[in-house]
Amino acid sequence: MVRILTASVGVAFALAVIAQYAAAEPVGDFYRGRSVRLIVGGAAGGGYDAVGRLLSRHIARHIPGNPTVHVENMSGAGSLILMNYIHNRSATDGTVMAMPTTNVLFDAKLQPPTADRTVFDINRVSWIGTPARQPQVLFVWHDTPFKTLPDLRTHKMVIGAISASTDTYILPMFMKQLLHADATIISGYKGSPEILAAMERREVDALVALLANVTAGNSAYLKENKIRPVLQFGR
């Protein structure tokens, strides 16, 4: 498998809106008996979903008052829907946390504001931590001719993606521009599970995904040798 070193994009982040507790109310008293929402920016069944649900089993022990943590999925537009919800509609009292996809860190730089796109300020959220540090990987269907870097230039590849603002689209574009890969990118899928299903139907040949999207969320594809890794982005 070829390794392509880029900026560190294979990172899943957890964040929360800045809490606005009542000044006289201790944090433990505030959370005791409450429910906290952990909203995941990836689709159900994907790697982000798997990491988020694992996190939800343990994070309450580290919050004073030990609240109950419930996982919700809010996929779409590369977590832009989730980020806009966090900034404009969700509660700001510390009862909502979110785990967006990695692209939100540089989306504002790559996707200029438009009239139909709400702008959010990445600096107005309180970053909590990083539950997983992983590379992004190009996976191809097992019966495709893509095994080496030269194969990406000599054979045409169709890659499934979520939207133009996500790593699933941006990294294949890097492949086209920097590695001169002969690739067509088809966006509009809800998440990695949908793209993997499209690969199985032979609608597309490949996807770029966070490693956990396959190893944790859809490991059967690897165990049954239906897909194979060709490129790794990052360390």
C-alpha atoms as a PDB file:
ATOM      1  CA  MET A   1       0.000   0.000   0.000  1.00  0.00           C
ATOM      2  CA  VAL A   2       1.367   3.399  -0.992  1.00  0.00           C
ATOM      3  CA  ARG A   3       1.554   6.042   1.746  1.00  0.00           C
ATOM      4  CA  ILE A   4       0.870   9.660   0.872  1.00  0.00           C
ATOM      5  CA  LEU A   5       1.877  12.110   3.593  1.00  0.00           C
ATOM      6  CA  THR A   6      -0.418  15.128   3.807  1.00  0.00           C
ATOM      7  CA  ALA A   7      -1.610  17.393   6.573  1.00  0.00           C
ATOM      8  CA  SER A   8      -3.013  15.509   9.541  1.00  0.00           C
ATOM      9  CA  VAL A   9      -6.566  14.977   8.386  1.00  0.00           C
ATOM     10  CA  GLY A  10      -7.280  11.580   9.881  1.00  0.00           C
ATOM     11  CA  VAL A  11      -8.553  12.846  13.195  1.00  0.00           C
ATOM     12  CA  ALA A  12     -11.984  12.582  14.783  1.00  0.00           C
ATOM     13  CA  PHE A  13     -12.773  15.515  17.056  1.00  0.00           C
ATOM     14  CA  ALA A  14     -15.275  15.952  19.870  1.00  0.00           C
ATOM     15  CA  LEU A  15     -16.505  19.429  20.628  1.00  0.00           C
ATOM     16  CA  ALA A  16     -19.087  21.207  22.715  1.00  0.00           C
ATOM     17  CA  VAL A  17     -20.681  24.603  22.614  1.00  0.00           C
ATOM     18  CA  ILE A  18     -19.445  26.880  25.398  1.00  0.00           C
ATOM     19  CA  ALA A  19     -21.519  26.079  28.460  1.00  0.00           C
ATOM     20  CA  GLN A  20     -23.506  28.811  30.144  1.00  0.00           C
ATOM     21  CA  TYR A  21     -24.205  27.469  33.626  1.00  0.00           C
ATOM     22  CA  ALA A  22     -25.999  29.430  36.272  1.00  0.00           C
ATOM     23  CA  ALA A  23     -23.231  31.145  38.246  1.00  0.00           C
ATOM     24  CA  ALA A  24     -24.301  29.779  41.628  1.00  0.00           C
ATOM     25  CA  GLU A  25     -25.010  26.219  40.458  1.00  0.00           C
ATOM     26  CA  PRO A  26     -22.172  23.690  40.950  1.00  0.00           C
ATOM     27  CA  VAL A  27     -21.337  21.728  37.800  1.00  0.00           C
ATOM     28  CA  GLY A  28     -22.099  18.373  39.449  1.00  0.00           C
ATOM     29  CA  ASP A  29     -25.546  19.557  40.553  1.00  0.00           C
ATOM     30  CA  PHE A  30     -26.245  20.873  37.071  1.00  0.00           C
ATOM     31  CA  TYR A  31     -25.529  17.558  35.336  1.00  0.00           C
ATOM     32  CA  ARG A  32     -26.891  15.159  37.962  1.00  0.00           C
ATOM     33  CA  GLY A  33     -29.990  13.416  36.591  1.00  0.00           C
ATOM     34  CA  ARG A  34     -29.692  15.125  33.193  1.00  0.00           C
ATOM     35  CA  SER A  35     -29.202  13.725  29.701  1.00  0.00           C
ATOM     36  CA  VAL A  36     -26.389  14.893  27.426  1.00  0.00           C
ATOM     37  CA  ARG A  37     -26.672  14.632  23.652  1.00  0.00           C
ATOM     38  CA  LEU A  38     -23.589  13.500  21.732  1.00  0.00           C
ATOM     39  CA  ILE A  39     -24.329  14.292  18.084  1.00  0.00           C
ATOM     40  CA  VAL A  40     -22.179  12.504  15.507  1.00  0.00           C
ATOM     41  CA  GLY A  41     -21.629  14.107  12.111  1.00  0.00           C
ATOM     42  CA  GLY A  42     -21.274  10.741  10.338  1.00  0.00           C
ATOM     43  CA  ALA A  43     -23.951   8.321   9.189  1.00  0.00           C
ATOM     44  CA  ALA A  44     -25.152   5.438  11.358  1.00  0.00           C
ATOM     45  CA  GLY A  45     -22.983   2.359  10.931  1.00  0.00           C
ATOM     46  CA  GLY A  46     -19.863   4.298   9.929  1.00  0.00           C
ATOM     47  CA  GLY A  47     -16.562   4.759  11.722  1.00  0.00           C
ATOM     48  CA  TYR A  48     -17.490   8.071  13.349  1.00  0.00           C
ATOM     49  CA  ASP A  49     -20.696   6.465  14.613  1.00  0.00           C
ATOM     50  CA  ALA A  50     -18.745   3.534  16.065  1.00  0.00           C
ATOM     51  CA  VAL A  51     -16.251   5.825  17.820  1.00  0.00           C
ATOM     52  CA  GLY A  52     -19.042   8.094  19.083  1.00  0.00           C
ATOM     53  CA  ARG A  53     -21.001   5.200  20.583  1.00  0.00           C
ATOM     54  CA  LEU A  54     -17.882   3.818  22.231  1.00  0.00           C
ATOM     55  CA  LEU A  55     -17.152   7.265  23.666  1.00  0.00           C
ATOM     56  CA  SER A  56     -20.696   7.597  24.981  1.00  0.00           C
ATOM     57  CA  ARG A  57     -20.256   4.492  27.164  1.00  0.00           C
ATOM     58  CA  HIS A  58     -17.408   6.024  29.145  1.00  0.00           C
ATOM     59  CA  ILE A  59     -17.400   9.827  28.963  1.00  0.00           C
ATOM     60  CA  ALA A  60     -20.176  10.275  31.551  1.00  0.00           C
ATOM     61  CA  ARG A  61     -17.819   8.990  34.257  1.00  0.00           C
ATOM     62  CA  HIS A  62     -15.620  12.012  33.598  1.00  0.00           C
ATOM     63  CA  ILE A  63     -18.426  14.596  33.805  1.00  0.00           C
ATOM     64  CA  PRO A  64     -19.377  15.805  37.323  1.00  0.00           C
ATOM     65  CA  GLY A  65     -22.837  14.507  38.179  1.00  0.00           C
ATOM     66  CA  ASN A  66     -22.488  11.542  35.776  1.00  0.00           C
ATOM     67  CA  PRO A  67     -25.279  12.394  33.320  1.00  0.00           C
ATOM     68  CA  THR A  68     -26.727   9.936  30.834  1.00  0.00           C
ATOM     69  CA  VAL A  69     -25.199  10.303  27.353  1.00  0.00           C
ATOM     70  CA  HIS A  70     -27.295   9.614  24.268  1.00  0.00           C
ATOM     71  CA  VAL A  71     -25.860   9.368  20.734  1.00  0.00           C
ATOM     72  CA  GLU A  72     -27.617  10.950  17.778  1.00  0.00           C
ATOM     73  CA  ASN A  73     -26.595  11.041  14.111  1.00  0.00           C
ATOM     74  CA  MET A  74     -26.783  14.223  12.061  1.00  0.00           C
ATOM     75  CA  SER A  75     -25.009  13.430   8.814  1.00  0.00           C
ATOM     76  CA  GLY A  76     -24.980  15.478   5.644  1.00  0.00           C
ATOM     77  CA  ALA A  77     -22.855  18.095   3.887  1.00  0.00           C
ATOM     78  CA  GLY A  78     -19.694  16.945   5.594  1.00  0.00           C
ATOM     79  CA  SER A  79     -20.907  17.898   9.098  1.00  0.00           C
ATOM     80  CA  LEU A  80     -21.793  21.432   7.993  1.00  0.00           C
ATOM     81  CA  ILE A  81     -25.408  20.736   8.950  1.00  0.00           C
ATOM     82  CA  LEU A  82     -24.212  19.638  12.385  1.00  0.00           C
ATOM     83  CA  MET A  83     -21.913  22.645  12.840  1.00  0.00           C
ATOM     84  CA  ASN A  84     -24.616  25.093  11.836  1.00  0.00           C
ATOM     85  CA  TYR A  85     -27.026  23.375  14.232  1.00  0.00           C
ATOM     86  CA  ILE A  86     -24.501  23.633  17.077  1.00  0.00           C
ATOM     87  CA  HIS A  87     -23.963  27.335  16.415  1.00  0.00           C
ATOM     88  CA  ASN A  88     -27.503  28.459  15.705  1.00  0.00           C
ATOM     89  CA  ARG A  89     -30.112  26.092  17.157  1.00  0.00           C
ATOM     90  CA  SER A  90     -28.848  23.743  19.854  1.00  0.00           C
ATOM     91  CA  ALA A  91     -28.877  24.354  23.594  1.00  0.00           C
ATOM     92  CA  THR A  92     -25.820  26.251  24.847  1.00  0.00           C
ATOM     93  CA  ASP A  93     -26.002  25.088  28.452  1.00  0.00           C
ATOM     94  CA  GLY A  94     -23.438  22.288  28.169  1.00  0.00           C
ATOM     95  CA  THR A  95     -25.930  19.482  27.452  1.00  0.00           C
ATOM     96  CA  VAL A  96     -24.957  19.133  23.780  1.00  0.00           C
ATOM     97  CA  MET A  97     -21.650  17.782  22.478  1.00  0.00           C
ATOM     98  CA  ALA A  98     -20.811  17.077  18.868  1.00  0.00           C
ATOM     99  CA  MET A  99     -18.308  14.966  16.962  1.00  0.00           C
ATOM    100  CA  PRO A 100     -18.015  16.380  13.428  1.00  0.00           C
ATOM    101  CA  THR A 101     -15.996  14.962  10.569  1.00  0.00           C
ATOM    102  CA  THR A 102     -12.449  16.255  10.166  1.00  0.00           C
ATOM    103  CA  ASN A 103     -13.095  18.503   7.181  1.00  0.00           C
ATOM    104  CA  VAL A 104     -14.815  21.183   9.307  1.00  0.00           C
ATOM    105  CA  LEU A 105     -11.377  22.401  10.398  1.00  0.00           C
ATOM    106  CA  PHE A 106     -10.460  23.644   6.949  1.00  0.00           C
ATOM    107  CA  ASP A 107     -13.815  23.826   5.196  1.00  0.00           C
ATOM    108  CA  ALA A 108     -14.076  27.587   5.647  1.00  0.00           C
ATOM    109  CA  LYS A 109     -10.780  27.944   3.789  1.00  0.00           C
ATOM    110  CA  LEU A 110     -11.685  25.624   0.913  1.00  0.00           C
ATOM    111  CA  GLN A 111     -15.385  26.483   0.606  1.00  0.00           C
ATOM    112  CA  PRO A 112     -16.013  30.268   0.486  1.00  0.00           C
ATOM    113  CA  PRO A 113     -19.292  31.481   2.024  1.00  0.00           C
ATOM    114  CA  THR A 114     -22.284  31.597  -0.325  1.00  0.00           C
ATOM    115  CA  ALA A 115     -25.794  32.984  -0.077  1.00  0.00           C
ATOM    116  CA  ASP A 116     -27.275  29.520   0.580  1.00  0.00           C
ATOM    117  CA  ARG A 117     -24.662  28.361   3.105  1.00  0.00           C
ATOM    118  CA  THR A 118     -24.719  29.407   6.741  1.00  0.00           C
ATOM    119  CA  VAL A 119     -21.313  30.457   8.007  1.00  0.00           C
ATOM    120  CA  PHE A 120     -20.111  29.160  11.364  1.00  0.00           C
ATOM    121  CA  ASP A 121     -17.138  30.297  13.402  1.00  0.00           C
ATOM    122  CA  ILE A 122     -14.894  27.365  14.290  1.00  0.00           C
ATOM    123  CA  ASN A 123     -13.343  29.439  17.094  1.00  0.00           C
ATOM    124  CA  ARG A 124     -16.648  29.825  18.950  1.00  0.00           C
ATOM    125  CA  VAL A 125     -16.784  26.204  20.105  1.00  0.00           C
ATOM    126  CA  SER A 126     -15.009  24.626  23.066  1.00  0.00           C
ATOM    127  CA  TRP A 127     -12.816  21.795  21.845  1.00  0.00           C
ATOM    128  CA  ILE A 128     -12.752  18.868  24.285  1.00  0.00           C
ATOM    129  CA  GLY A 129     -10.452  16.267  22.776  1.00  0.00           C
ATOM    130  CA  THR A 130      -9.596  13.758  20.094  1.00  0.00           C
ATOM    131  CA  PRO A 131     -10.959  10.235  20.592  1.00  0.00           C
ATOM    132  CA  ALA A 132      -9.084   8.765  17.596  1.00  0.00           C
ATOM    133  CA  ARG A 133      -6.092   9.653  15.423  1.00  0.00           C
ATOM    134  CA  GLN A 134      -6.144   7.699  12.186  1.00  0.00           C
ATOM    135  CA  PRO A 135      -5.190   8.068   8.526  1.00  0.00           C
ATOM    136  CA  GLN A 136      -7.559   8.373   5.624  1.00  0.00           C
ATOM    137  CA  VAL A 137      -7.298   5.419   3.232  1.00  0.00           C
ATOM    138  CA  LEU A 138      -8.262   4.831  -0.397  1.00  0.00           C
ATOM    139  CA  PHE A 139     -10.114   1.506  -0.547  1.00  0.00           C
ATOM    140  CA  VAL A 140     -10.901  -0.167  -3.897  1.00  0.00           C
ATOM    141  CA  TRP A 141     -13.177  -3.045  -4.837  1.00  0.00           C
ATOM    142  CA  HIS A 142     -11.321  -6.357  -5.021  1.00  0.00           C
ATOM    143  CA  ASP A 143     -11.806  -7.038  -8.750  1.00  0.00           C
ATOM    144  CA  THR A 144     -10.672  -3.609  -9.946  1.00  0.00           C
ATOM    145  CA  PRO A 145      -7.213  -3.232 -11.570  1.00  0.00           C
ATOM    146  CA  PHE A 146      -5.954  -0.710  -8.980  1.00  0.00           C
ATOM    147  CA  LYS A 147      -3.039  -2.114  -6.983  1.00  0.00           C
ATOM    148  CA  THR A 148      -0.205   0.376  -7.440  1.00  0.00           C
ATOM    149  CA  LEU A 149       0.210   4.118  -7.921  1.00  0.00           C
ATOM    150  CA  PRO A 150       0.792   3.779 -11.700  1.00  0.00           C
ATOM    151  CA  ASP A 151      -2.529   1.898 -11.940  1.00  0.00           C
ATOM    152  CA  LEU A 152      -4.318   5.091 -10.833  1.00  0.00           C
ATOM    153  CA  ARG A 153      -2.894   6.861 -13.877  1.00  0.00           C
ATOM    154  CA  THR A 154      -3.445   4.133 -16.459  1.00  0.00           C
ATOM    155  CA  HIS A 155      -6.956   3.003 -15.484  1.00  0.00           C
ATOM    156  CA  LYS A 156     -10.017   5.186 -14.955  1.00  0.00           C
ATOM    157  CA  MET A 157     -11.400   5.079 -11.418  1.00  0.00           C
ATOM    158  CA  VAL A 158     -14.865   6.121 -10.227  1.00  0.00           C
ATOM    159  CA  ILE A 159     -14.819   7.243  -6.584  1.00  0.00           C
ATOM    160  CA  GLY A 160     -17.904   7.670  -4.399  1.00  0.00           C
ATOM    161  CA  ALA A 161     -18.047  10.714  -2.101  1.00  0.00           C
ATOM    162  CA  ILE A 162     -20.399  12.399   0.356  1.00  0.00           C
ATOM    163  CA  SER A 163     -20.119  16.055  -0.675  1.00  0.00           C
ATOM    164  CA  ALA A 164     -17.562  18.475  -2.082  1.00  0.00           C
ATOM    165  CA  SER A 165     -16.769  19.754   1.419  1.00  0.00           C
ATOM    166  CA  THR A 166     -15.739  16.369   2.855  1.00  0.00           C
ATOM    167  CA  ASP A 167     -12.484  14.436   2.911  1.00  0.00           C
ATOM    168  CA  THR A 168     -14.187  11.802   0.744  1.00  0.00           C
ATOM    169  CA  TYR A 169     -14.153  14.377  -2.071  1.00  0.00           C
ATOM    170  CA  ILE A 170     -11.207  16.655  -1.224  1.00  0.00           C
ATOM    171  CA  LEU A 171      -8.596  13.874  -0.961  1.00  0.00           C
ATOM    172  CA  PRO A 172      -9.576  12.288  -4.311  1.00  0.00           C
ATOM    173  CA  MET A 173      -9.227  15.779  -5.791  1.00  0.00           C
ATOM    174  CA  PHE A 174      -5.698  15.884  -4.365  1.00  0.00           C
ATOM    175  CA  MET A 175      -5.103  12.542  -6.100  1.00  0.00           C
ATOM    176  CA  LYS A 176      -6.206  14.041  -9.391  1.00  0.00           C
ATOM    177  CA  GLN A 177      -4.190  17.231  -9.054  1.00  0.00           C
ATOM    178  CA  LEU A 178      -1.008  15.952  -7.401  1.00  0.00           C
ATOM    179  CA  LEU A 179      -0.779  12.309  -8.466  1.00  0.00           C
ATOM    180  CA  HIS A 180      -2.468  12.757 -11.864  1.00  0.00           C
ATOM    181  CA  ALA A 181      -4.933   9.973 -11.104  1.00  0.00           C
ATOM    182  CA  ASP A 182      -7.540   9.337 -13.801  1.00  0.00           C
ATOM    183  CA  ALA A 183     -10.502   9.603 -11.462  1.00  0.00           C
ATOM    184  CA  THR A 184     -14.128  10.668 -11.606  1.00  0.00           C
ATOM    185  CA  ILE A 185     -15.723  11.627  -8.303  1.00  0.00           C
ATOM    186  CA  ILE A 186     -19.453  11.078  -7.750  1.00  0.00           C
ATOM    187  CA  SER A 187     -20.840  12.827  -4.663  1.00  0.00           C
ATOM    188  CA  GLY A 188     -24.234  12.661  -2.973  1.00  0.00           C
ATOM    189  CA  TYR A 189     -23.922   9.570  -0.776  1.00  0.00           C
ATOM    190  CA  LYS A 190     -24.927   9.878   2.886  1.00  0.00           C
ATOM    191  CA  GLY A 191     -21.883   8.147   4.342  1.00  0.00           C
ATOM    192  CA  SER A 192     -19.224   5.478   3.963  1.00  0.00           C
ATOM    193  CA  PRO A 193     -21.690   2.565   4.434  1.00  0.00           C
ATOM    194  CA  GLU A 194     -23.668   3.816   1.437  1.00  0.00           C
ATOM    195  CA  ILE A 195     -20.532   4.169  -0.666  1.00  0.00           C
ATOM    196  CA  LEU A 196     -19.386   0.672   0.276  1.00  0.00           C
ATOM    197  CA  ALA A 197     -22.796  -0.656  -0.760  1.00  0.00           C
ATOM    198  CA  ALA A 198     -22.450   1.242  -4.051  1.00  0.00           C
ATOM    199  CA  MET A 199     -19.044  -0.388  -4.547  1.00  0.00           C
ATOM    200  CA  GLU A 200     -20.661  -3.788  -4.036  1.00  0.00           C
ATOM    201  CA  ARG A 201     -23.314  -2.915  -6.639  1.00  0.00           C
ATOM    202  CA  ARG A 202     -20.390  -1.812  -8.858  1.00  0.00           C
ATOM    203  CA  GLU A 203     -21.674   1.743  -9.192  1.00  0.00           C
ATOM    204  CA  VAL A 204     -18.283   3.021  -8.052  1.00  0.00           C
ATOM    205  CA  ASP A 205     -14.814   1.522  -7.753  1.00  0.00           C
ATOM    206  CA  ALA A 206     -13.489   3.131  -4.593  1.00  0.00           C
ATOM    207  CA  LEU A 207     -13.864   5.448  -1.622  1.00  0.00           C
ATOM    208  CA  VAL A 208     -11.558   7.463   0.624  1.00  0.00           C
ATOM    209  CA  ALA A 209     -12.508   6.947   4.258  1.00  0.00           C
ATOM    210  CA  LEU A 210     -11.216   7.283   7.779  1.00  0.00           C
ATOM    211  CA  LEU A 211      -9.677   3.917   8.645  1.00  0.00           C
ATOM    212  CA  ALA A 212     -12.262   3.271  11.387  1.00  0.00           C
ATOM    213  CA  ASN A 213     -15.097   3.710   8.887  1.00  0.00           C
ATOM    214  CA  VAL A 214     -14.078   0.303   7.570  1.00  0.00           C
ATOM    215  CA  THR A 215     -12.207  -1.437  10.399  1.00  0.00           C
ATOM    216  CA  ALA A 216     -14.778  -0.534  13.066  1.00  0.00           C
ATOM    217  CA  GLY A 217     -17.939   0.234  11.140  1.00  0.00           C
ATOM    218  CA  ASN A 218     -17.820  -2.179   8.193  1.00  0.00           C
ATOM    219  CA  SER A 219     -15.097  -4.720   8.941  1.00  0.00           C
ATOM    220  CA  ALA A 220     -16.773  -7.540   6.989  1.00  0.00           C
ATOM    221  CA  TYR A 221     -15.678  -5.932   3.729  1.00  0.00           C
ATOM    222  CA  LEU A 222     -12.040  -6.390   4.749  1.00  0.00           C
ATOM    223  CA  LYS A 223     -12.462  -9.777   6.419  1.00  0.00           C
ATOM    224  CA  GLU A 224     -14.152 -11.177   3.291  1.00  0.00           C
ATOM    225  CA  ASN A 225     -11.519  -9.587   1.012  1.00  0.00           C
ATOM    226  CA  LYS A 226     -14.126  -7.582  -0.863  1.00  0.00           C
ATOM    227  CA  ILE A 227     -12.015  -4.413  -0.692  1.00  0.00           C
ATOM    228  CA  ARG A 228      -8.324  -3.613  -0.409  1.00  0.00           C
ATOM    229  CA  PRO A 229      -6.346  -0.510   0.599  1.00  0.00           C
ATOM    230  CA  VAL A 230      -4.187   1.173  -2.052  1.00  0.00           C
ATOM    231  CA  LEU A 231      -3.248   4.618  -0.691  1.00  0.00           C
ATOM    232  CA  GLN A 232      -2.858   5.986   2.833  1.00  0.00           C
ATOM    233  CA  PHE A 233      -3.142   9.723   3.463  1.00  0.00           C
ATOM    234  CA  GLY A 234      -1.222  10.825   6.525  1.00  0.00           C
ATOM    235  CA  ARG A 235       0.920   8.839   8.945  1.00  0.00           C
END
